[in-house]
Amino acid sequence: MKDTGRVPDDGAAQLHFLDEVAAAYLLAQLRGIRSVTLRLLGENPHALPEVTAFLEAEGFDVVSAPLERMIPPPSRRFVFRYHGQAATVTIAPDQE
């Protein structure tokens, strides 16, 4: 994984979900991780494609897995579970 420190800028009109703060947070939480499984909770049409594209551009191997619901529901927008050099990130767009 290359750590370029690059995050989406505010002028990126195509971004609807991922902002600079969220991108920096993801990179900080995924330091040392090579492979990421993304799970989207909810139906935000922009969340999964934007996060996937961003992480792939940063050099992560990214796959997505379906997630219908989570009990208890997450209290944050991103929930991380780590497995060695891999991580599972649950994206809950409706949470802040």
C-alpha atoms as a PDB file:
ATOM      1  CA  MET A   1       0.000   0.000   0.000  1.00  0.00           C
ATOM      2  CA  LYS A   2       1.328   3.406  -0.876  1.00  0.00           C
ATOM      3  CA  ASP A   3       0.537   6.243   1.486  1.00  0.00           C
ATOM      4  CA  THR A   4       0.280   9.287  -0.732  1.00  0.00           C
ATOM      5  CA  GLY A   5      -1.680  11.349   1.752  1.00  0.00           C
ATOM      6  CA  ARG A   6      -3.927  12.339  -1.152  1.00  0.00           C
ATOM      7  CA  VAL A   7      -7.544  12.950  -0.306  1.00  0.00           C
ATOM      8  CA  PRO A   8     -10.412  14.141  -2.482  1.00  0.00           C
ATOM      9  CA  ASP A   9     -10.496  17.910  -2.760  1.00  0.00           C
ATOM     10  CA  ASP A  10     -13.583  20.053  -2.330  1.00  0.00           C
ATOM     11  CA  GLY A  11     -13.595  20.802  -6.051  1.00  0.00           C
ATOM     12  CA  ALA A  12     -14.278  17.183  -6.970  1.00  0.00           C
ATOM     13  CA  ALA A  13     -17.875  17.649  -8.102  1.00  0.00           C
ATOM     14  CA  GLN A  14     -18.388  13.925  -8.685  1.00  0.00           C
ATOM     15  CA  LEU A  15     -18.048  13.125  -4.965  1.00  0.00           C
ATOM     16  CA  HIS A  16     -21.281  12.964  -2.994  1.00  0.00           C
ATOM     17  CA  PHE A  17     -20.366  10.831   0.028  1.00  0.00           C
ATOM     18  CA  LEU A  18     -16.632  10.865   0.684  1.00  0.00           C
ATOM     19  CA  ASP A  19     -15.174  14.161   1.852  1.00  0.00           C
ATOM     20  CA  GLU A  20     -11.647  15.131   2.865  1.00  0.00           C
ATOM     21  CA  VAL A  21     -12.197  14.403   6.557  1.00  0.00           C
ATOM     22  CA  ALA A  22     -13.685  10.955   5.898  1.00  0.00           C
ATOM     23  CA  ALA A  23     -10.908  10.089   3.436  1.00  0.00           C
ATOM     24  CA  ALA A  24      -8.194  11.069   5.914  1.00  0.00           C
ATOM     25  CA  TYR A  25      -9.957   9.076   8.646  1.00  0.00           C
ATOM     26  CA  LEU A  26     -10.099   5.971   6.436  1.00  0.00           C
ATOM     27  CA  LEU A  27      -6.389   6.213   5.610  1.00  0.00           C
ATOM     28  CA  ALA A  28      -5.467   6.644   9.267  1.00  0.00           C
ATOM     29  CA  GLN A  29      -7.551   3.653  10.350  1.00  0.00           C
ATOM     30  CA  LEU A  30      -6.213   1.465   7.541  1.00  0.00           C
ATOM     31  CA  ARG A  31      -2.509   2.170   8.036  1.00  0.00           C
ATOM     32  CA  GLY A  32      -0.626  -1.117   7.662  1.00  0.00           C
ATOM     33  CA  ILE A  33      -3.589  -2.837   6.005  1.00  0.00           C
ATOM     34  CA  ARG A  34      -3.341  -4.321   2.508  1.00  0.00           C
ATOM     35  CA  SER A  35      -6.762  -5.813   1.847  1.00  0.00           C
ATOM     36  CA  VAL A  36     -10.142  -4.272   2.641  1.00  0.00           C
ATOM     37  CA  THR A  37     -13.604  -5.810   2.503  1.00  0.00           C
ATOM     38  CA  LEU A  38     -16.298  -3.136   2.317  1.00  0.00           C
ATOM     39  CA  ARG A  39     -19.837  -3.755   3.541  1.00  0.00           C
ATOM     40  CA  LEU A  40     -22.527  -1.151   2.888  1.00  0.00           C
ATOM     41  CA  LEU A  41     -25.392  -0.841   5.321  1.00  0.00           C
ATOM     42  CA  GLY A  42     -28.272   1.042   3.742  1.00  0.00           C
ATOM     43  CA  GLU A  43     -28.930   2.200   0.224  1.00  0.00           C
ATOM     44  CA  ASN A  44     -26.709   5.212  -0.438  1.00  0.00           C
ATOM     45  CA  PRO A  45     -25.924   4.977  -4.178  1.00  0.00           C
ATOM     46  CA  HIS A  46     -22.675   6.933  -3.844  1.00  0.00           C
ATOM     47  CA  ALA A  47     -21.054   5.506  -0.713  1.00  0.00           C
ATOM     48  CA  LEU A  48     -19.721   2.153  -1.907  1.00  0.00           C
ATOM     49  CA  PRO A  49     -18.457   3.256  -5.348  1.00  0.00           C
ATOM     50  CA  GLU A  50     -16.709   6.341  -3.951  1.00  0.00           C
ATOM     51  CA  VAL A  51     -15.031   4.555  -1.046  1.00  0.00           C
ATOM     52  CA  THR A  52     -14.031   1.645  -3.297  1.00  0.00           C
ATOM     53  CA  ALA A  53     -12.507   3.937  -5.933  1.00  0.00           C
ATOM     54  CA  PHE A  54     -10.666   5.977  -3.309  1.00  0.00           C
ATOM     55  CA  LEU A  55      -9.169   2.955  -1.543  1.00  0.00           C
ATOM     56  CA  GLU A  56      -8.174   1.297  -4.821  1.00  0.00           C
ATOM     57  CA  ALA A  57      -6.451   4.524  -5.895  1.00  0.00           C
ATOM     58  CA  GLU A  58      -4.540   4.426  -2.606  1.00  0.00           C
ATOM     59  CA  GLY A  59      -3.282   0.914  -3.406  1.00  0.00           C
ATOM     60  CA  PHE A  60      -5.589  -1.280  -1.334  1.00  0.00           C
ATOM     61  CA  ASP A  61      -7.043  -4.554  -2.604  1.00  0.00           C
ATOM     62  CA  VAL A  62     -10.776  -3.937  -2.213  1.00  0.00           C
ATOM     63  CA  VAL A  63     -13.741  -6.302  -2.380  1.00  0.00           C
ATOM     64  CA  SER A  64     -17.316  -5.703  -1.343  1.00  0.00           C
ATOM     65  CA  ALA A  65     -19.682  -7.991   0.484  1.00  0.00           C
ATOM     66  CA  PRO A  66     -23.441  -7.635   0.896  1.00  0.00           C
ATOM     67  CA  LEU A  67     -24.865  -6.600   4.254  1.00  0.00           C
ATOM     68  CA  GLU A  68     -28.591  -6.407   4.868  1.00  0.00           C
ATOM     69  CA  ARG A  69     -28.542  -5.252   8.467  1.00  0.00           C
ATOM     70  CA  MET A  70     -26.384  -5.118  11.555  1.00  0.00           C
ATOM     71  CA  ILE A  71     -27.476  -5.743  15.134  1.00  0.00           C
ATOM     72  CA  PRO A  72     -26.884  -3.626  17.051  1.00  0.00           C
ATOM     73  CA  PRO A  73     -26.841  -0.900  14.408  1.00  0.00           C
ATOM     74  CA  PRO A  74     -23.544   0.977  14.149  1.00  0.00           C
ATOM     75  CA  SER A  75     -23.174   4.260  15.977  1.00  0.00           C
ATOM     76  CA  ARG A  76     -20.574   5.606  13.524  1.00  0.00           C
ATOM     77  CA  ARG A  77     -20.311   6.086   9.788  1.00  0.00           C
ATOM     78  CA  PHE A  78     -17.374   3.651   9.497  1.00  0.00           C
ATOM     79  CA  VAL A  79     -16.908   0.527  11.620  1.00  0.00           C
ATOM     80  CA  PHE A  80     -13.587  -1.348  11.414  1.00  0.00           C
ATOM     81  CA  ARG A  81     -12.648  -4.962  12.169  1.00  0.00           C
ATOM     82  CA  TYR A  82      -9.076  -6.081  11.657  1.00  0.00           C
ATOM     83  CA  HIS A  83      -7.702  -9.506  10.708  1.00  0.00           C
ATOM     84  CA  GLY A  84      -3.909  -9.347  10.394  1.00  0.00           C
ATOM     85  CA  GLN A  85      -3.183  -7.188   7.339  1.00  0.00           C
ATOM     86  CA  ALA A  86      -6.825  -7.224   6.251  1.00  0.00           C
ATOM     87  CA  ALA A  87      -9.761  -5.177   7.452  1.00  0.00           C
ATOM     88  CA  THR A  88     -13.517  -5.283   7.141  1.00  0.00           C
ATOM     89  CA  VAL A  89     -15.080  -1.836   6.961  1.00  0.00           C
ATOM     90  CA  THR A  90     -18.806  -1.444   7.415  1.00  0.00           C
ATOM     91  CA  ILE A  91     -20.122   1.764   5.892  1.00  0.00           C
ATOM     92  CA  ALA A  92     -23.244   3.173   7.528  1.00  0.00           C
ATOM     93  CA  PRO A  93     -24.034   6.297   5.478  1.00  0.00           C
ATOM     94  CA  ASP A  94     -26.875   7.416   7.740  1.00  0.00           C
ATOM     95  CA  GLN A  95     -24.575   7.703  10.775  1.00  0.00           C
ATOM     96  CA  GLU A  96     -22.214  10.565  11.534  1.00  0.00           C
END
